[in-house]
Amino acid sequence: MAEVERILRAYGDDDALVGEWPITGLRLQKLQELFGQADDMYDSYPVHREQAAALERATGITLDLDRYAYFVDAGAV
C-alpha cells in the first residue's frame, strides 16, 4: 500500500499555484492536532496563522500569509 504524503501548496491572487513543498517534519497525528481533524486529512486544509510556525519548521520556508493562500493537501507517493 502506497503512503500518502502531505504537501503545502501556495496560491497567488489569481488562484495560480506558485509553489509546493513536502511536509516532512510533522507526522500525521501532529497535523491532525494542528488542523483539528480526526480523519486522515485527504482534503485540502487552509493554513491560518495558528498553523504557520509549525509548517515553517516542517518545510523550511517562510510563509507570507499576507501575500499567498496556503493549503495542506494530500498527495500520493
N, C-alpha and C. Protein backbone atom coordinates (compact mmCIF):
# COMPACT_ATOMS: atom_id res chain seq x y z
N MET A 1 0.84 -1.18 0.00
CA MET A 1 0.00 0.00 0.00
C MET A 1 0.89 1.24 0.00
N ALA A 2 0.63 2.16 -0.91
CA ALA A 2 1.43 3.38 -1.01
C ALA A 2 1.08 4.33 0.13
N GLU A 3 2.10 5.00 0.64
CA GLU A 3 1.87 6.00 1.67
C GLU A 3 1.37 7.28 1.03
N VAL A 4 0.75 8.09 1.83
CA VAL A 4 0.28 9.40 1.37
C VAL A 4 1.09 10.45 2.09
N GLU A 5 1.67 11.37 1.35
CA GLU A 5 2.39 12.46 1.99
C GLU A 5 1.52 13.71 1.97
N ARG A 6 1.80 14.60 2.87
CA ARG A 6 1.08 15.87 2.91
C ARG A 6 1.96 16.93 2.25
N ILE A 7 1.33 17.76 1.46
CA ILE A 7 2.03 18.80 0.69
C ILE A 7 1.48 20.16 1.10
N LEU A 8 2.37 21.13 1.26
CA LEU A 8 1.97 22.50 1.48
C LEU A 8 1.97 23.20 0.14
N ARG A 9 0.84 23.77 -0.26
CA ARG A 9 0.74 24.45 -1.55
C ARG A 9 0.41 25.92 -1.35
N ALA A 10 0.99 26.78 -2.18
CA ALA A 10 0.75 28.22 -2.10
C ALA A 10 0.10 28.69 -3.40
N TYR A 11 -0.89 29.55 -3.26
CA TYR A 11 -1.61 30.10 -4.41
C TYR A 11 -1.58 31.62 -4.35
N GLY A 12 -1.44 32.26 -5.53
CA GLY A 12 -1.45 33.71 -5.62
C GLY A 12 -2.86 34.25 -5.76
N ASP A 13 -2.94 35.56 -5.96
CA ASP A 13 -4.25 36.23 -6.09
C ASP A 13 -5.09 35.69 -7.23
N ASP A 14 -4.45 35.19 -8.28
CA ASP A 14 -5.19 34.68 -9.44
C ASP A 14 -5.48 33.19 -9.32
N ASP A 15 -5.30 32.64 -8.12
CA ASP A 15 -5.51 31.21 -7.83
C ASP A 15 -4.54 30.29 -8.56
N ALA A 16 -3.46 30.86 -9.08
CA ALA A 16 -2.43 30.04 -9.73
C ALA A 16 -1.50 29.47 -8.67
N LEU A 17 -1.12 28.21 -8.83
CA LEU A 17 -0.18 27.57 -7.93
C LEU A 17 1.18 28.22 -8.10
N VAL A 18 1.75 28.70 -6.99
CA VAL A 18 3.05 29.37 -7.06
C VAL A 18 4.16 28.59 -6.36
N GLY A 19 3.80 27.51 -5.67
CA GLY A 19 4.82 26.70 -5.03
C GLY A 19 4.20 25.56 -4.24
N GLU A 20 5.00 24.52 -4.05
CA GLU A 20 4.57 23.42 -3.20
C GLU A 20 5.77 22.75 -2.58
N TRP A 21 5.59 22.30 -1.34
CA TRP A 21 6.67 21.73 -0.56
C TRP A 21 6.15 20.52 0.21
N PRO A 22 6.93 19.45 0.28
CA PRO A 22 6.53 18.31 1.11
C PRO A 22 6.63 18.69 2.58
N ILE A 23 5.73 18.16 3.36
CA ILE A 23 5.77 18.37 4.81
C ILE A 23 6.42 17.13 5.41
N THR A 24 7.71 17.21 5.66
CA THR A 24 8.45 16.04 6.13
C THR A 24 8.71 16.06 7.62
N GLY A 25 8.56 17.21 8.26
CA GLY A 25 8.91 17.33 9.67
C GLY A 25 7.75 17.16 10.63
N LEU A 26 6.58 16.80 10.14
CA LEU A 26 5.41 16.63 11.00
C LEU A 26 4.71 15.33 10.65
N ARG A 27 4.44 14.53 11.64
CA ARG A 27 3.67 13.30 11.43
C ARG A 27 2.19 13.65 11.29
N LEU A 28 1.45 12.71 10.72
CA LEU A 28 0.02 12.90 10.52
C LEU A 28 -0.69 13.29 11.81
N GLN A 29 -0.35 12.65 12.91
CA GLN A 29 -1.01 12.95 14.19
C GLN A 29 -0.84 14.42 14.57
N LYS A 30 0.35 14.98 14.37
CA LYS A 30 0.59 16.40 14.69
C LYS A 30 -0.20 17.30 13.75
N LEU A 31 -0.24 16.94 12.47
CA LEU A 31 -1.05 17.73 11.53
C LEU A 31 -2.52 17.69 11.91
N GLN A 32 -3.00 16.54 12.33
CA GLN A 32 -4.40 16.43 12.75
C GLN A 32 -4.66 17.33 13.95
N GLU A 33 -3.74 17.38 14.89
CA GLU A 33 -3.88 18.28 16.04
C GLU A 33 -3.87 19.74 15.60
N LEU A 34 -2.93 20.09 14.71
CA LEU A 34 -2.83 21.49 14.24
C LEU A 34 -4.10 21.97 13.55
N PHE A 35 -4.72 21.07 12.78
CA PHE A 35 -5.89 21.46 12.00
C PHE A 35 -7.21 21.00 12.62
N GLY A 36 -7.16 20.39 13.80
CA GLY A 36 -8.37 19.96 14.47
C GLY A 36 -9.15 18.91 13.71
N GLN A 37 -8.43 17.95 13.13
CA GLN A 37 -9.05 16.92 12.31
C GLN A 37 -8.83 15.54 12.93
N ALA A 38 -9.83 14.70 12.85
CA ALA A 38 -9.71 13.33 13.35
C ALA A 38 -9.53 12.34 12.21
N ASP A 39 -9.77 12.77 10.98
CA ASP A 39 -9.67 11.86 9.83
C ASP A 39 -8.25 11.81 9.29
N ASP A 40 -8.06 11.18 8.16
CA ASP A 40 -6.74 11.01 7.57
C ASP A 40 -6.23 12.23 6.81
N MET A 41 -7.01 13.28 6.75
CA MET A 41 -6.63 14.54 6.10
C MET A 41 -6.37 14.37 4.60
N TYR A 42 -7.34 13.83 3.90
CA TYR A 42 -7.23 13.70 2.45
C TYR A 42 -7.77 14.92 1.72
N ASP A 43 -8.43 15.82 2.42
CA ASP A 43 -8.98 17.03 1.81
C ASP A 43 -7.92 18.11 1.76
N SER A 44 -8.34 19.30 1.38
CA SER A 44 -7.47 20.47 1.37
C SER A 44 -7.81 21.31 2.60
N TYR A 45 -6.78 21.71 3.35
CA TYR A 45 -6.98 22.45 4.59
C TYR A 45 -6.28 23.80 4.51
N PRO A 46 -7.02 24.90 4.64
CA PRO A 46 -6.38 26.21 4.60
C PRO A 46 -5.48 26.43 5.81
N VAL A 47 -4.36 27.08 5.58
CA VAL A 47 -3.40 27.37 6.64
C VAL A 47 -3.68 28.75 7.19
N HIS A 48 -3.81 28.82 8.50
CA HIS A 48 -4.01 30.10 9.19
C HIS A 48 -2.78 30.38 10.05
N ARG A 49 -2.74 31.54 10.63
CA ARG A 49 -1.58 31.94 11.43
C ARG A 49 -1.27 30.95 12.56
N GLU A 50 -2.31 30.30 13.09
CA GLU A 50 -2.10 29.35 14.18
C GLU A 50 -1.22 28.18 13.75
N GLN A 51 -1.28 27.79 12.49
CA GLN A 51 -0.51 26.65 12.00
C GLN A 51 0.82 27.05 11.35
N ALA A 52 1.01 28.31 11.07
CA ALA A 52 2.14 28.77 10.26
C ALA A 52 3.51 28.40 10.83
N ALA A 53 3.73 28.61 12.12
CA ALA A 53 5.06 28.37 12.69
C ALA A 53 5.45 26.89 12.57
N ALA A 54 4.54 25.99 12.86
CA ALA A 54 4.84 24.56 12.76
C ALA A 54 5.11 24.17 11.32
N LEU A 55 4.36 24.71 10.38
CA LEU A 55 4.58 24.38 8.97
C LEU A 55 5.87 24.99 8.44
N GLU A 56 6.24 26.16 8.93
CA GLU A 56 7.52 26.75 8.54
C GLU A 56 8.67 25.86 8.98
N ARG A 57 8.59 25.34 10.19
CA ARG A 57 9.65 24.43 10.67
C ARG A 57 9.69 23.14 9.85
N ALA A 58 8.52 22.64 9.47
CA ALA A 58 8.44 21.35 8.76
C ALA A 58 8.84 21.46 7.29
N THR A 59 8.75 22.65 6.71
CA THR A 59 9.06 22.81 5.29
C THR A 59 10.35 23.60 5.04
N GLY A 60 10.78 24.36 6.03
CA GLY A 60 11.97 25.19 5.85
C GLY A 60 11.73 26.46 5.08
N ILE A 61 10.46 26.80 4.86
CA ILE A 61 10.17 28.05 4.14
C ILE A 61 9.48 29.03 5.10
N THR A 62 9.51 30.29 4.72
CA THR A 62 8.79 31.32 5.47
C THR A 62 7.47 31.57 4.76
N LEU A 63 6.38 31.43 5.48
CA LEU A 63 5.06 31.64 4.89
C LEU A 63 4.71 33.12 4.89
N ASP A 64 4.27 33.62 3.77
CA ASP A 64 3.83 35.00 3.64
C ASP A 64 2.30 34.98 3.51
N LEU A 65 1.64 34.88 4.66
CA LEU A 65 0.18 34.75 4.66
C LEU A 65 -0.54 36.00 4.18
N ASP A 66 0.15 37.13 4.14
CA ASP A 66 -0.46 38.35 3.62
C ASP A 66 -0.46 38.37 2.09
N ARG A 67 0.41 37.60 1.50
CA ARG A 67 0.55 37.62 0.04
C ARG A 67 -0.03 36.38 -0.64
N TYR A 68 0.04 35.23 0.03
CA TYR A 68 -0.38 33.97 -0.58
C TYR A 68 -1.39 33.25 0.30
N ALA A 69 -2.18 32.42 -0.32
CA ALA A 69 -3.07 31.50 0.39
C ALA A 69 -2.39 30.14 0.39
N TYR A 70 -2.27 29.53 1.55
CA TYR A 70 -1.60 28.23 1.68
C TYR A 70 -2.62 27.17 2.09
N PHE A 71 -2.39 25.97 1.58
CA PHE A 71 -3.26 24.85 1.89
C PHE A 71 -2.41 23.60 2.09
N VAL A 72 -2.83 22.77 3.02
CA VAL A 72 -2.22 21.46 3.19
C VAL A 72 -3.11 20.46 2.48
N ASP A 73 -2.52 19.72 1.57
CA ASP A 73 -3.24 18.73 0.77
C ASP A 73 -2.52 17.39 0.87
N ALA A 74 -3.23 16.34 0.53
CA ALA A 74 -2.63 15.01 0.47
C ALA A 74 -2.17 14.75 -0.95
N GLY A 75 -1.02 14.12 -1.09
CA GLY A 75 -0.51 13.73 -2.40
C GLY A 75 -0.02 12.31 -2.35
N ALA A 76 -0.32 11.52 -3.35
CA ALA A 76 0.13 10.13 -3.38
C ALA A 76 1.62 10.06 -3.63
N VAL A 77 2.26 9.12 -3.01
CA VAL A 77 3.70 8.91 -3.18
C VAL A 77 3.91 7.70 -4.07
